[in-house]
PDB file of N, CA and C in Angstrom:
ATOM      1  N   MET A   1      74.757 -12.506-260.487  1.00  0.00           N
ATOM      2  CA  MET A   1      73.944 -13.121-260.236  1.00  0.00           C
ATOM      3  C   MET A   1      73.667 -14.592-259.974  1.00  0.00           C
ATOM      4  N   ASN A   2      73.078 -15.314-259.071  1.00  0.00           N
ATOM      5  CA  ASN A   2      73.111 -16.626-258.816  1.00  0.00           C
ATOM      6  C   ASN A   2      71.815 -17.322-259.542  1.00  0.00           C
ATOM      7  N   VAL A   3      71.885 -18.478-259.880  1.00  0.00           N
ATOM      8  CA  VAL A   3      70.843 -19.172-260.599  1.00  0.00           C
ATOM      9  C   VAL A   3      69.703 -19.079-259.806  1.00  0.00           C
ATOM     10  N   GLY A   4      68.458 -18.989-260.267  1.00  0.00           N
ATOM     11  CA  GLY A   4      67.372 -18.823-259.472  1.00  0.00           C
ATOM     12  C   GLY A   4      66.859 -20.226-259.067  1.00  0.00           C
ATOM     13  N   LYS A   5      65.996 -20.330-257.923  1.00  0.00           N
ATOM     14  CA  LYS A   5      65.285 -21.504-257.632  1.00  0.00           C
ATOM     15  C   LYS A   5      64.144 -21.527-258.049  1.00  0.00           C
ATOM     16  N   ALA A   6      63.454 -22.616-258.466  1.00  0.00           N
ATOM     17  CA  ALA A   6      61.993 -22.683-259.292  1.00  0.00           C
ATOM     18  C   ALA A   6      61.188 -23.655-258.151  1.00  0.00           C
ATOM     19  N   LYS A   7      59.965 -23.277-257.942  1.00  0.00           N
ATOM     20  CA  LYS A   7      59.050 -23.977-257.114  1.00  0.00           C
ATOM     21  C   LYS A   7      57.732 -24.058-258.158  1.00  0.00           C
ATOM     22  N   GLU A   8      57.209 -25.232-258.289  1.00  0.00           N
ATOM     23  CA  GLU A   8      55.860 -25.311-258.993  1.00  0.00           C
ATOM     24  C   GLU A   8      54.939 -24.979-257.909  1.00  0.00           C
ATOM     25  N   GLN A   9      53.750 -24.652-258.405  1.00  0.00           N
ATOM     26  CA  GLN A   9      52.429 -24.429-257.428  1.00  0.00           C
ATOM     27  C   GLN A   9      51.481 -24.856-258.297  1.00  0.00           C
ATOM     28  N   LYS A  10      50.226 -24.835-257.845  1.00  0.00           N
ATOM     29  CA  LYS A  10      49.133 -25.287-258.415  1.00  0.00           C
ATOM     30  C   LYS A  10      48.977 -24.034-259.501  1.00  0.00           C
ATOM     31  N   GLY A  11      48.798 -24.277-260.898  1.00  0.00           N
ATOM     32  CA  GLY A  11      48.433 -23.426-261.620  1.00  0.00           C
ATOM     33  C   GLY A  11      49.312 -22.394-262.054  1.00  0.00           C
ATOM     34  N   GLY A  12      50.621 -22.632-261.554  1.00  0.00           N
ATOM     35  CA  GLY A  12      51.654 -21.687-261.659  1.00  0.00           C
ATOM     36  C   GLY A  12      53.157 -22.222-261.197  1.00  0.00           C
ATOM     37  N   ILE A  13      54.056 -21.098-261.583  1.00  0.00           N
ATOM     38  CA  ILE A  13      55.214 -21.388-261.221  1.00  0.00           C
ATOM     39  C   ILE A  13      55.861 -20.199-260.351  1.00  0.00           C
ATOM     40  N   GLU A  14      57.021 -20.533-259.469  1.00  0.00           N
ATOM     41  CA  GLU A  14      57.495 -19.250-258.742  1.00  0.00           C
ATOM     42  C   GLU A  14      59.066 -19.405-258.939  1.00  0.00           C
ATOM     43  N   LEU A  15      59.603 -18.468-259.215  1.00  0.00           N
ATOM     44  CA  LEU A  15      60.980 -18.349-259.435  1.00  0.00           C
ATOM     45  C   LEU A  15      61.635 -17.178-258.440  1.00  0.00           C
ATOM     46  N   GLU A  16      62.739 -17.410-258.189  1.00  0.00           N
ATOM     47  CA  GLU A  16      63.549 -16.515-257.277  1.00  0.00           C
ATOM     48  C   GLU A  16      64.989 -16.311-257.654  1.00  0.00           C
ATOM     49  N   PHE A  17      65.340 -15.147-257.696  1.00  0.00           N
ATOM     50  CA  PHE A  17      66.751 -15.037-258.007  1.00  0.00           C
ATOM     51  C   PHE A  17      67.272 -14.008-257.162  1.00  0.00           C
ATOM     52  N   ASP A  18      68.598 -14.181-256.995  1.00  0.00           N
ATOM     53  CA  ASP A  18      69.334 -12.877-256.077  1.00  0.00           C
ATOM     54  C   ASP A  18      70.394 -12.402-257.324  1.00  0.00           C
ATOM     55  N   LEU A  19      70.098 -10.853-257.422  1.00  0.00           N
ATOM     56  CA  LEU A  19      70.691 -10.332-258.601  1.00  0.00           C
ATOM     57  C   LEU A  19      71.834  -9.160-257.859  1.00  0.00           C
ATOM     58  N   ASP A  20      72.887  -8.823-258.596  1.00  0.00           N
ATOM     59  CA  ASP A  20      73.780  -8.008-258.372  1.00  0.00           C
ATOM     60  C   ASP A  20      73.244  -6.454-258.394  1.00  0.00           C
ATOM     61  N   GLU A  21      72.344  -6.414-259.111  1.00  0.00           N
ATOM     62  CA  GLU A  21      71.852  -4.892-259.319  1.00  0.00           C
ATOM     63  C   GLU A  21      71.017  -4.345-257.967  1.00  0.00           C
ATOM     64  N   PRO A  22      71.016  -3.126-257.818  1.00  0.00           N
ATOM     65  CA  PRO A  22      70.436  -2.492-256.641  1.00  0.00           C
ATOM     66  C   PRO A  22      69.198  -2.530-256.849  1.00  0.00           C
ATOM     67  N   PRO A  23      68.031  -2.467-255.891  1.00  0.00           N
ATOM     68  CA  PRO A  23      66.618  -2.570-255.969  1.00  0.00           C
ATOM     69  C   PRO A  23      66.079  -1.612-257.053  1.00  0.00           C
ATOM     70  N   GLN A  24      66.683  -0.366-257.024  1.00  0.00           N
ATOM     71  CA  GLN A  24      65.945   0.542-257.847  1.00  0.00           C
ATOM     72  C   GLN A  24      66.229   0.526-259.320  1.00  0.00           C
ATOM     73  N   LYS A  25      67.409  -0.263-259.718  1.00  0.00           N
ATOM     74  CA  LYS A  25      67.691  -0.626-261.023  1.00  0.00           C
ATOM     75  C   LYS A  25      66.618  -1.718-261.420  1.00  0.00           C
ATOM     76  N   VAL A  26      66.363  -2.683-260.690  1.00  0.00           N
ATOM     77  CA  VAL A  26      65.712  -3.773-261.003  1.00  0.00           C
ATOM     78  C   VAL A  26      64.176  -3.013-260.986  1.00  0.00           C
ATOM     79  N   TRP A  27      63.950  -2.351-260.185  1.00  0.00           N
ATOM     80  CA  TRP A  27      62.451  -2.022-260.471  1.00  0.00           C
ATOM     81  C   TRP A  27      62.206  -1.183-261.606  1.00  0.00           C
ATOM     82  N   ARG A  28      63.227  -0.464-262.068  1.00  0.00           N
ATOM     83  CA  ARG A  28      63.093   0.390-263.385  1.00  0.00           C
ATOM     84  C   ARG A  28      62.820  -0.880-264.571  1.00  0.00           C
ATOM     85  N   ALA A  29      63.497  -1.883-264.385  1.00  0.00           N
ATOM     86  CA  ALA A  29      63.386  -2.825-265.284  1.00  0.00           C
ATOM     87  C   ALA A  29      62.128  -3.459-265.557  1.00  0.00           C
ATOM     88  N   ILE A  30      61.460  -3.673-264.501  1.00  0.00           N
ATOM     89  CA  ILE A  30      60.049  -4.503-264.251  1.00  0.00           C
ATOM     90  C   ILE A  30      59.032  -3.364-264.375  1.00  0.00           C
ATOM     91  N   SER A  31      59.236  -2.172-264.080  1.00  0.00           N
ATOM     92  CA  SER A  31      57.959  -1.219-264.234  1.00  0.00           C
ATOM     93  C   SER A  31      58.022  -0.159-265.309  1.00  0.00           C
ATOM     94  N   ILE A  32      59.028   0.330-265.905  1.00  0.00           N
ATOM     95  CA  ILE A  32      58.959   1.299-266.925  1.00  0.00           C
ATOM     96  C   ILE A  32      58.797   0.439-268.305  1.00  0.00           C
ATOM     97  N   PRO A  33      57.751   0.586-268.930  1.00  0.00           N
ATOM     98  CA  PRO A  33      57.306  -0.244-270.348  1.00  0.00           C
ATOM     99  C   PRO A  33      58.659  -0.366-271.252  1.00  0.00           C
ATOM    100  N   GLU A  34      59.304   0.879-271.620  1.00  0.00           N
ATOM    101  CA  GLU A  34      60.436   0.795-272.404  1.00  0.00           C
ATOM    102  C   GLU A  34      61.495  -0.071-272.057  1.00  0.00           C
ATOM    103  N   PHE A  35      61.710  -0.305-270.696  1.00  0.00           N
ATOM    104  CA  PHE A  35      62.642  -1.338-270.333  1.00  0.00           C
ATOM    105  C   PHE A  35      62.204  -2.532-270.173  1.00  0.00           C
ATOM    106  N   ARG A  36      60.877  -2.854-269.699  1.00  0.00           N
ATOM    107  CA  ARG A  36      60.197  -4.084-269.631  1.00  0.00           C
ATOM    108  C   ARG A  36      60.205  -4.669-270.959  1.00  0.00           C
ATOM    109  N   GLN A  37      59.798  -3.921-271.969  1.00  0.00           N
ATOM    110  CA  GLN A  37      59.397  -4.455-273.400  1.00  0.00           C
ATOM    111  C   GLN A  37      60.757  -5.560-273.872  1.00  0.00           C
ATOM    112  N   ASN A  38      61.691  -5.127-273.117  1.00  0.00           N
ATOM    113  CA  ASN A  38      63.161  -5.978-273.578  1.00  0.00           C
ATOM    114  C   ASN A  38      63.095  -7.465-273.498  1.00  0.00           C
ATOM    115  N   TRP A  39      62.100  -7.885-272.473  1.00  0.00           N
ATOM    116  CA  TRP A  39      62.280  -9.012-271.893  1.00  0.00           C
ATOM    117  C   TRP A  39      60.408  -9.605-271.683  1.00  0.00           C
ATOM    118  N   LEU A  40      59.609  -8.697-271.517  1.00  0.00           N
ATOM    119  CA  LEU A  40      58.093  -8.977-271.470  1.00  0.00           C
ATOM    120  C   LEU A  40      57.566  -8.029-272.610  1.00  0.00           C
ATOM    121  N   PRO A  41      57.459  -8.504-273.675  1.00  0.00           N
ATOM    122  CA  PRO A  41      56.850  -7.991-274.916  1.00  0.00           C
ATOM    123  C   PRO A  41      55.483  -7.469-274.353  1.00  0.00           C
ATOM    124  N   LYS A  42      54.927  -6.189-274.917  1.00  0.00           N
ATOM    125  CA  LYS A  42      53.443  -5.684-274.921  1.00  0.00           C
ATOM    126  C   LYS A  42      52.626  -6.763-275.606  1.00  0.00           C
ATOM    127  N   ASP A  43      53.049  -7.267-276.536  1.00  0.00           N
ATOM    128  CA  ASP A  43      51.942  -8.377-277.177  1.00  0.00           C
ATOM    129  C   ASP A  43      51.571  -9.605-276.134  1.00  0.00           C
ATOM    130  N   ALA A  44      52.417  -9.737-275.594  1.00  0.00           N
ATOM    131  CA  ALA A  44      52.078 -10.910-274.374  1.00  0.00           C
ATOM    132  C   ALA A  44      51.069 -10.308-273.107  1.00  0.00           C
ATOM    133  N   LEU A  45      51.115  -8.977-273.171  1.00  0.00           N
ATOM    134  CA  LEU A  45      50.129  -8.403-272.157  1.00  0.00           C
ATOM    135  C   LEU A  45      48.826  -8.151-272.353  1.00  0.00           C
ATOM    136  N   ALA A  46      47.658  -8.510-271.571  1.00  0.00           N
ATOM    137  CA  ALA A  46      46.490  -8.288-271.749  1.00  0.00           C
ATOM    138  C   ALA A  46      46.021  -6.902-271.790  1.00  0.00           C
ATOM    139  N   ASP A  47      46.804  -6.041-270.976  1.00  0.00           N
ATOM    140  CA  ASP A  47      46.608  -4.807-270.764  1.00  0.00           C
ATOM    141  C   ASP A  47      48.188  -4.405-270.338  1.00  0.00           C
ATOM    142  N   PRO A  48      48.355  -3.132-271.170  1.00  0.00           N
ATOM    143  CA  PRO A  48      49.917  -2.604-270.990  1.00  0.00           C
ATOM    144  C   PRO A  48      49.979  -1.813-269.933  1.00  0.00           C
ATOM    145  N   ASN A  49      49.113  -1.639-268.964  1.00  0.00           N
ATOM    146  CA  ASN A  49      49.141  -1.148-267.465  1.00  0.00           C
ATOM    147  C   ASN A  49      49.268  -2.234-266.580  1.00  0.00           C
ATOM    148  N   PRO A  50      50.011  -1.981-265.532  1.00  0.00           N
ATOM    149  CA  PRO A  50      50.003  -2.991-264.363  1.00  0.00           C
ATOM    150  C   PRO A  50      48.451  -3.091-263.829  1.00  0.00           C
ATOM    151  N   ALA A  51      48.253  -4.586-263.438  1.00  0.00           N
ATOM    152  CA  ALA A  51      46.893  -4.828-262.885  1.00  0.00           C
ATOM    153  C   ALA A  51      47.163  -4.307-261.400  1.00  0.00           C
ATOM    154  N   THR A  52      48.313  -4.528-260.761  1.00  0.00           N
ATOM    155  CA  THR A  52      48.588  -3.744-259.570  1.00  0.00           C
ATOM    156  C   THR A  52      49.867  -3.316-259.355  1.00  0.00           C
ATOM    157  N   ILE A  53      50.078  -2.295-258.313  1.00  0.00           N
ATOM    158  CA  ILE A  53      51.324  -1.944-258.360  1.00  0.00           C
ATOM    159  C   ILE A  53      51.582  -1.338-256.878  1.00  0.00           C
ATOM    160  N   THR A  54      52.736  -1.786-256.308  1.00  0.00           N
ATOM    161  CA  THR A  54      53.158  -1.116-254.876  1.00  0.00           C
ATOM    162  C   THR A  54      54.710  -0.527-255.291  1.00  0.00           C
ATOM    163  N   PRO A  55      54.581   0.809-255.584  1.00  0.00           N
ATOM    164  CA  PRO A  55      56.160   1.272-256.193  1.00  0.00           C
ATOM    165  C   PRO A  55      57.335   0.939-255.383  1.00  0.00           C
ATOM    166  N   GLY A  56      58.004   0.469-256.180  1.00  0.00           N
ATOM    167  CA  GLY A  56      59.216   0.124-255.526  1.00  0.00           C
ATOM    168  C   GLY A  56      59.464  -1.269-254.852  1.00  0.00           C
ATOM    169  N   GLU A  57      58.349  -1.876-255.027  1.00  0.00           N
ATOM    170  CA  GLU A  57      58.156  -3.215-254.189  1.00  0.00           C
ATOM    171  C   GLU A  57      57.676  -4.481-255.152  1.00  0.00           C
ATOM    172  N   GLU A  58      56.417  -4.058-255.814  1.00  0.00           N
ATOM    173  CA  GLU A  58      55.780  -5.345-256.491  1.00  0.00           C
ATOM    174  C   GLU A  58      54.840  -4.651-257.478  1.00  0.00           C
ATOM    175  N   VAL A  59      54.966  -5.138-258.671  1.00  0.00           N
ATOM    176  CA  VAL A  59      54.223  -5.142-259.984  1.00  0.00           C
ATOM    177  C   VAL A  59      53.558  -6.461-260.338  1.00  0.00           C
ATOM    178  N   ARG A  60      52.203  -6.424-260.663  1.00  0.00           N
ATOM    179  CA  ARG A  60      51.368  -7.545-261.472  1.00  0.00           C
ATOM    180  C   ARG A  60      50.927  -7.111-262.745  1.00  0.00           C
ATOM    181  N   TYR A  61      51.275  -7.945-263.480  1.00  0.00           N
ATOM    182  CA  TYR A  61      50.585  -7.909-264.938  1.00  0.00           C
ATOM    183  C   TYR A  61      49.871  -8.838-265.364  1.00  0.00           C
ATOM    184  N   SER A  62      48.927  -8.563-266.202  1.00  0.00           N
ATOM    185  CA  SER A  62      47.965  -9.564-266.817  1.00  0.00           C
ATOM    186  C   SER A  62      48.188  -9.738-268.091  1.00  0.00           C
ATOM    187  N   LEU A  63      48.518 -11.208-268.513  1.00  0.00           N
ATOM    188  CA  LEU A  63      48.924 -11.968-269.593  1.00  0.00           C
ATOM    189  C   LEU A  63      47.863 -12.695-270.304  1.00  0.00           C
ATOM    190  N   ARG A  64      47.968 -12.677-271.640  1.00  0.00           N
ATOM    191  CA  ARG A  64      46.859 -13.429-272.558  1.00  0.00           C
ATOM    192  C   ARG A  64      47.716 -14.084-273.522  1.00  0.00           C
ATOM    193  N   ASP A  65      47.729 -15.602-273.720  1.00  0.00           N
ATOM    194  CA  ASP A  65      48.059 -16.241-274.822  1.00  0.00           C
ATOM    195  C   ASP A  65      47.779 -15.743-275.924  1.00  0.00           C
ATOM    196  N   ASP A  66      48.670 -15.614-276.951  1.00  0.00           N
ATOM    197  CA  ASP A  66      48.679 -15.201-278.609  1.00  0.00           C
ATOM    198  C   ASP A  66      47.832 -16.225-279.294  1.00  0.00           C
ATOM    199  N   ALA A  67      47.606 -17.356-279.004  1.00  0.00           N
ATOM    200  CA  ALA A  67      47.163 -18.538-279.734  1.00  0.00           C
ATOM    201  C   ALA A  67      45.973 -19.065-278.741  1.00  0.00           C
ATOM    202  N   PRO A  68      44.769 -19.620-279.603  1.00  0.00           N
ATOM    203  CA  PRO A  68      43.792 -20.369-278.872  1.00  0.00           C
ATOM    204  C   PRO A  68      44.285 -21.441-277.877  1.00  0.00           C
ATOM    205  N   PRO A  69      43.657 -21.391-276.861  1.00  0.00           N
ATOM    206  CA  PRO A  69      42.559 -20.803-276.349  1.00  0.00           C
ATOM    207  C   PRO A  69      42.335 -19.571-275.896  1.00  0.00           C
ATOM    208  N   PHE A  70      43.651 -18.817-275.716  1.00  0.00           N
ATOM    209  CA  PHE A  70      43.784 -17.407-275.340  1.00  0.00           C
ATOM    210  C   PHE A  70      43.803 -17.460-273.851  1.00  0.00           C
ATOM    211  N   LEU A  71      44.625 -18.275-273.012  1.00  0.00           N
ATOM    212  CA  LEU A  71      44.330 -18.400-271.825  1.00  0.00           C
ATOM    213  C   LEU A  71      44.906 -17.214-271.060  1.00  0.00           C
ATOM    214  N   GLU A  72      44.439 -16.895-270.059  1.00  0.00           N
ATOM    215  CA  GLU A  72      44.825 -15.687-269.223  1.00  0.00           C
ATOM    216  C   GLU A  72      45.549 -16.022-268.011  1.00  0.00           C
ATOM    217  N   SER A  73      46.349 -15.188-267.805  1.00  0.00           N
ATOM    218  CA  SER A  73      47.376 -15.425-266.548  1.00  0.00           C
ATOM    219  C   SER A  73      47.822 -14.074-265.904  1.00  0.00           C
ATOM    220  N   THR A  74      48.486 -14.222-264.642  1.00  0.00           N
ATOM    221  CA  THR A  74      49.108 -13.114-264.152  1.00  0.00           C
ATOM    222  C   THR A  74      50.583 -13.211-263.916  1.00  0.00           C
ATOM    223  N   VAL A  75      51.313 -12.128-264.022  1.00  0.00           N
ATOM    224  CA  VAL A  75      52.882 -12.540-263.359  1.00  0.00           C
ATOM    225  C   VAL A  75      53.129 -11.418-262.564  1.00  0.00           C
ATOM    226  N   THR A  76      53.476 -11.735-261.233  1.00  0.00           N
ATOM    227  CA  THR A  76      53.977 -10.837-260.401  1.00  0.00           C
ATOM    228  C   THR A  76      55.336 -10.763-259.965  1.00  0.00           C
ATOM    229  N   PHE A  77      55.924  -9.751-259.971  1.00  0.00           N
ATOM    230  CA  PHE A  77      57.277  -9.135-259.805  1.00  0.00           C
ATOM    231  C   PHE A  77      57.338  -8.511-258.235  1.00  0.00           C
ATOM    232  N   THR A  78      58.152  -8.964-257.553  1.00  0.00           N
ATOM    233  CA  THR A  78      58.496  -8.640-256.017  1.00  0.00           C
ATOM    234  C   THR A  78      59.802  -8.348-255.771  1.00  0.00           C
ATOM    235  N   ILE A  79      60.303  -7.399-255.334  1.00  0.00           N
ATOM    236  CA  ILE A  79      61.815  -7.129-255.096  1.00  0.00           C
ATOM    237  C   ILE A  79      62.035  -6.761-253.855  1.00  0.00           C
ATOM    238  N   VAL A  80      62.889  -7.211-253.440  1.00  0.00           N
ATOM    239  CA  VAL A  80      63.638  -6.794-251.910  1.00  0.00           C
ATOM    240  C   VAL A  80      64.875  -6.689-251.743  1.00  0.00           C
ATOM    241  N   PRO A  81      65.683  -5.837-251.169  1.00  0.00           N
ATOM    242  CA  PRO A  81      67.146  -5.896-251.128  1.00  0.00           C
ATOM    243  C   PRO A  81      67.583  -6.987-250.293  1.00  0.00           C
ATOM    244  N   ASN A  82      68.687  -7.402-250.820  1.00  0.00           N
ATOM    245  CA  ASN A  82      69.338  -8.661-250.186  1.00  0.00           C
ATOM    246  C   ASN A  82      70.583  -8.319-249.472  1.00  0.00           C
ATOM    247  N   ALA A  83      71.055  -9.177-248.545  1.00  0.00           N
ATOM    248  CA  ALA A  83      72.240  -8.848-247.726  1.00  0.00           C
ATOM    249  C   ALA A  83      73.338  -8.322-248.389  1.00  0.00           C
ATOM    250  N   THR A  84      73.763  -8.678-249.942  1.00  0.00           N
ATOM    251  CA  THR A  84      74.952  -7.823-250.431  1.00  0.00           C
ATOM    252  C   THR A  84      74.819  -6.717-250.976  1.00  0.00           C
ATOM    253  N   GLY A  85      73.892  -5.974-250.843  1.00  0.00           N
ATOM    254  CA  GLY A  85      73.472  -4.774-251.606  1.00  0.00           C
ATOM    255  C   GLY A  85      72.550  -4.915-253.040  1.00  0.00           C
ATOM    256  N   GLY A  86      72.555  -5.903-253.342  1.00  0.00           N
ATOM    257  CA  GLY A  86      71.651  -6.609-254.464  1.00  0.00           C
ATOM    258  C   GLY A  86      70.147  -6.789-254.392  1.00  0.00           C
ATOM    259  N   THR A  87      69.705  -7.436-255.008  1.00  0.00           N
ATOM    260  CA  THR A  87      68.208  -7.476-255.239  1.00  0.00           C
ATOM    261  C   THR A  87      67.923  -8.877-255.270  1.00  0.00           C
ATOM    262  N   ARG A  88      66.788  -9.392-254.070  1.00  0.00           N
ATOM    263  CA  ARG A  88      66.066 -10.715-254.521  1.00  0.00           C
ATOM    264  C   ARG A  88      64.795 -10.379-254.913  1.00  0.00           C
ATOM    265  N   LEU A  89      64.766 -11.070-256.305  1.00  0.00           N
ATOM    266  CA  LEU A  89      63.615 -11.089-257.450  1.00  0.00           C
ATOM    267  C   LEU A  89      62.957 -12.099-257.269  1.00  0.00           C
ATOM    268  N   ARG A  90      61.582 -12.034-257.037  1.00  0.00           N
ATOM    269  CA  ARG A  90      60.623 -13.152-256.907  1.00  0.00           C
ATOM    270  C   ARG A  90      59.585 -13.049-258.088  1.00  0.00           C
ATOM    271  N   ILE A  91      59.451 -13.989-258.921  1.00  0.00           N
ATOM    272  CA  ILE A  91      58.510 -14.068-259.984  1.00  0.00           C
ATOM    273  C   ILE A  91      57.460 -15.019-259.772  1.00  0.00           C
ATOM    274  N   ILE A  92      56.191 -14.619-259.954  1.00  0.00           N
ATOM    275  CA  ILE A  92      55.053 -15.799-259.766  1.00  0.00           C
ATOM    276  C   ILE A  92      54.386 -15.389-260.956  1.00  0.00           C
ATOM    277  N   HIS A  93      54.415 -16.527-261.772  1.00  0.00           N
ATOM    278  CA  HIS A  93      53.544 -16.759-262.932  1.00  0.00           C
ATOM    279  C   HIS A  93      52.224 -17.663-262.689  1.00  0.00           C
ATOM    280  N   GLU A  94      51.119 -17.175-262.450  1.00  0.00           N
ATOM    281  CA  GLU A  94      49.861 -18.125-262.127  1.00  0.00           C
ATOM    282  C   GLU A  94      48.922 -18.018-263.385  1.00  0.00           C
ATOM    283  N   LEU A  95      48.166 -19.154-263.593  1.00  0.00           N
ATOM    284  CA  LEU A  95      47.329 -19.318-264.596  1.00  0.00           C
ATOM    285  C   LEU A  95      46.049 -18.861-263.707  1.00  0.00           C
ATOM    286  N   THR A  96      45.269 -17.772-264.321  1.00  0.00           N
ATOM    287  CA  THR A  96      44.114 -17.259-263.732  1.00  0.00           C
ATOM    288  C   THR A  96      42.738 -17.227-264.531  1.00  0.00           C
ATOM    289  N   ASP A  97      42.885 -17.851-265.672  1.00  0.00           N
ATOM    290  CA  ASP A  97      41.746 -18.236-266.461  1.00  0.00           C
ATOM    291  C   ASP A  97      40.525 -18.670-265.914  1.00  0.00           C
ATOM    292  N   ALA A  98      39.253 -17.983-266.028  1.00  0.00           N
ATOM    293  CA  ALA A  98      38.152 -18.231-265.206  1.00  0.00           C
ATOM    294  C   ALA A  98      37.564 -19.316-266.022  1.00  0.00           C
ATOM    295  N   ARG A  99      37.795 -19.603-267.122  1.00  0.00           N
ATOM    296  CA  ARG A  99      37.276 -20.772-267.874  1.00  0.00           C
ATOM    297  C   ARG A  99      37.838 -22.099-267.386  1.00  0.00           C
ATOM    298  N   LEU A 100      38.890 -22.366-267.047  1.00  0.00           N
ATOM    299  CA  LEU A 100      39.430 -23.399-266.280  1.00  0.00           C
ATOM    300  C   LEU A 100      38.789 -23.779-264.989  1.00  0.00           C
ATOM    301  N   ASP A 101      38.299 -22.968-264.179  1.00  0.00           N
ATOM    302  CA  ASP A 101      37.731 -23.079-263.005  1.00  0.00           C
ATOM    303  C   ASP A 101      36.353 -23.791-263.167  1.00  0.00           C
ATOM    304  N   ARG A 102      35.737 -23.188-264.122  1.00  0.00           N
ATOM    305  CA  ARG A 102      34.200 -23.652-264.595  1.00  0.00           C
ATOM    306  C   ARG A 102      34.569 -24.940-265.038  1.00  0.00           C
ATOM    307  N   THR A 103      35.443 -25.448-265.817  1.00  0.00           N
ATOM    308  CA  THR A 103      35.749 -26.428-266.541  1.00  0.00           C
ATOM    309  C   THR A 103      35.765 -27.725-265.567  1.00  0.00           C
ATOM    310  N   ALA A 104      36.811 -27.403-264.700  1.00  0.00           N
ATOM    311  CA  ALA A 104      37.195 -28.293-263.458  1.00  0.00           C
ATOM    312  C   ALA A 104      35.949 -28.424-262.491  1.00  0.00           C
ATOM    313  N   GLU A 105      35.218 -27.609-262.255  1.00  0.00           N
ATOM    314  CA  GLU A 105      34.229 -27.609-261.257  1.00  0.00           C
ATOM    315  C   GLU A 105      32.968 -28.158-262.016  1.00  0.00           C
ATOM    316  N   THR A 106      32.851 -28.099-263.328  1.00  0.00           N
ATOM    317  CA  THR A 106      32.049 -28.959-263.861  1.00  0.00           C
ATOM    318  C   THR A 106      32.269 -30.377-264.073  1.00  0.00           C
ATOM    319  N   ALA A 107      33.383 -30.743-264.170  1.00  0.00           N
ATOM    320  CA  ALA A 107      33.894 -32.183-264.278  1.00  0.00           C
ATOM    321  C   ALA A 107      33.733 -32.739-262.547  1.00  0.00           C
ATOM    322  N   ALA A 108      33.878 -32.040-261.685  1.00  0.00           N
ATOM    323  CA  ALA A 108      34.024 -32.416-260.396  1.00  0.00           C
ATOM    324  C   ALA A 108      32.567 -32.576-259.862  1.00  0.00           C
ATOM    325  N   ASN A 109      31.857 -32.100-260.449  1.00  0.00           N
ATOM    326  CA  ASN A 109      30.516 -31.940-259.835  1.00  0.00           C
ATOM    327  C   ASN A 109      29.527 -32.760-260.763  1.00  0.00           C
ATOM    328  N   SER A 110      29.929 -33.397-261.699  1.00  0.00           N
ATOM    329  CA  SER A 110      29.248 -34.342-262.617  1.00  0.00           C
ATOM    330  C   SER A 110      29.127 -35.773-262.032  1.00  0.00           C
ATOM    331  N   ASN A 111      28.002 -36.219-262.026  1.00  0.00           N
ATOM    332  CA  ASN A 111      27.753 -37.575-261.384  1.00  0.00           C
ATOM    333  C   ASN A 111      27.433 -38.547-262.645  1.00  0.00           C
ATOM    334  N   SER A 112      27.313 -38.192-263.693  1.00  0.00           N
ATOM    335  CA  SER A 112      27.046 -39.073-264.879  1.00  0.00           C
ATOM    336  C   SER A 112      28.626 -39.108-265.705  1.00  0.00           C
ATOM    337  N   PRO A 113      28.498 -40.000-266.409  1.00  0.00           N
ATOM    338  CA  PRO A 113      29.593 -40.450-267.288  1.00  0.00           C
ATOM    339  C   PRO A 113      29.926 -39.179-268.472  1.00  0.00           C
ATOM    340  N   ALA A 114      31.033 -39.045-268.598  1.00  0.00           N
ATOM    341  CA  ALA A 114      31.391 -38.099-269.638  1.00  0.00           C
ATOM    342  C   ALA A 114      31.006 -38.728-271.040  1.00  0.00           C
ATOM    343  N   LEU A 115      30.291 -37.749-271.748  1.00  0.00           N
ATOM    344  CA  LEU A 115      29.883 -38.351-273.254  1.00  0.00           C
ATOM    345  C   LEU A 115      30.836 -37.650-274.343  1.00  0.00           C
ATOM    346  N   MET A 116      30.882 -38.555-275.224  1.00  0.00           N
ATOM    347  CA  MET A 116      31.507 -37.818-276.427  1.00  0.00           C
ATOM    348  C   MET A 116      30.727 -37.532-277.510  1.00  0.00           C
ATOM    349  N   LEU A 117      30.772 -36.547-278.350  1.00  0.00           N
ATOM    350  CA  LEU A 117      29.974 -36.053-279.440  1.00  0.00           C
ATOM    351  C   LEU A 117      30.607 -36.428-280.495  1.00  0.00           C
ATOM    352  N   ALA A 118      29.665 -36.981-281.466  1.00  0.00           N
ATOM    353  CA  ALA A 118      29.901 -37.496-282.652  1.00  0.00           C
ATOM    354  C   ALA A 118      30.451 -36.351-283.598  1.00  0.00           C
ATOM    355  N   ALA A 119      31.612 -36.621-284.389  1.00  0.00           N
ATOM    356  CA  ALA A 119      32.253 -35.644-285.309  1.00  0.00           C
ATOM    357  C   ALA A 119      31.120 -35.229-286.296  1.00  0.00           C
TER     358      ALA A 119
END
């Protein structure tokens, strides 16, 4: 396995790895709950079932932080065979919490100065 490349995106991060293992083995590790549990615990999942799945190619899970403000995100795993018979694994973790969009939208559309509330 080589060291992955990381690329920051707005609201998330994208990682890419070339693995020595064949795609079928990597697919099992990311899609079968008993195997996935070893590195992505069910406690981190908002739902134990995938949000979307394209068998053998891509699976997306919804996550929720376990501490306030309990932000929600998605993690998408995409696999494709690489030139050496292994697998290219792409992981995209995106912050998807709708509350953040409303907060940014409210701040951007406000023509009045921010007010601080007294404690």
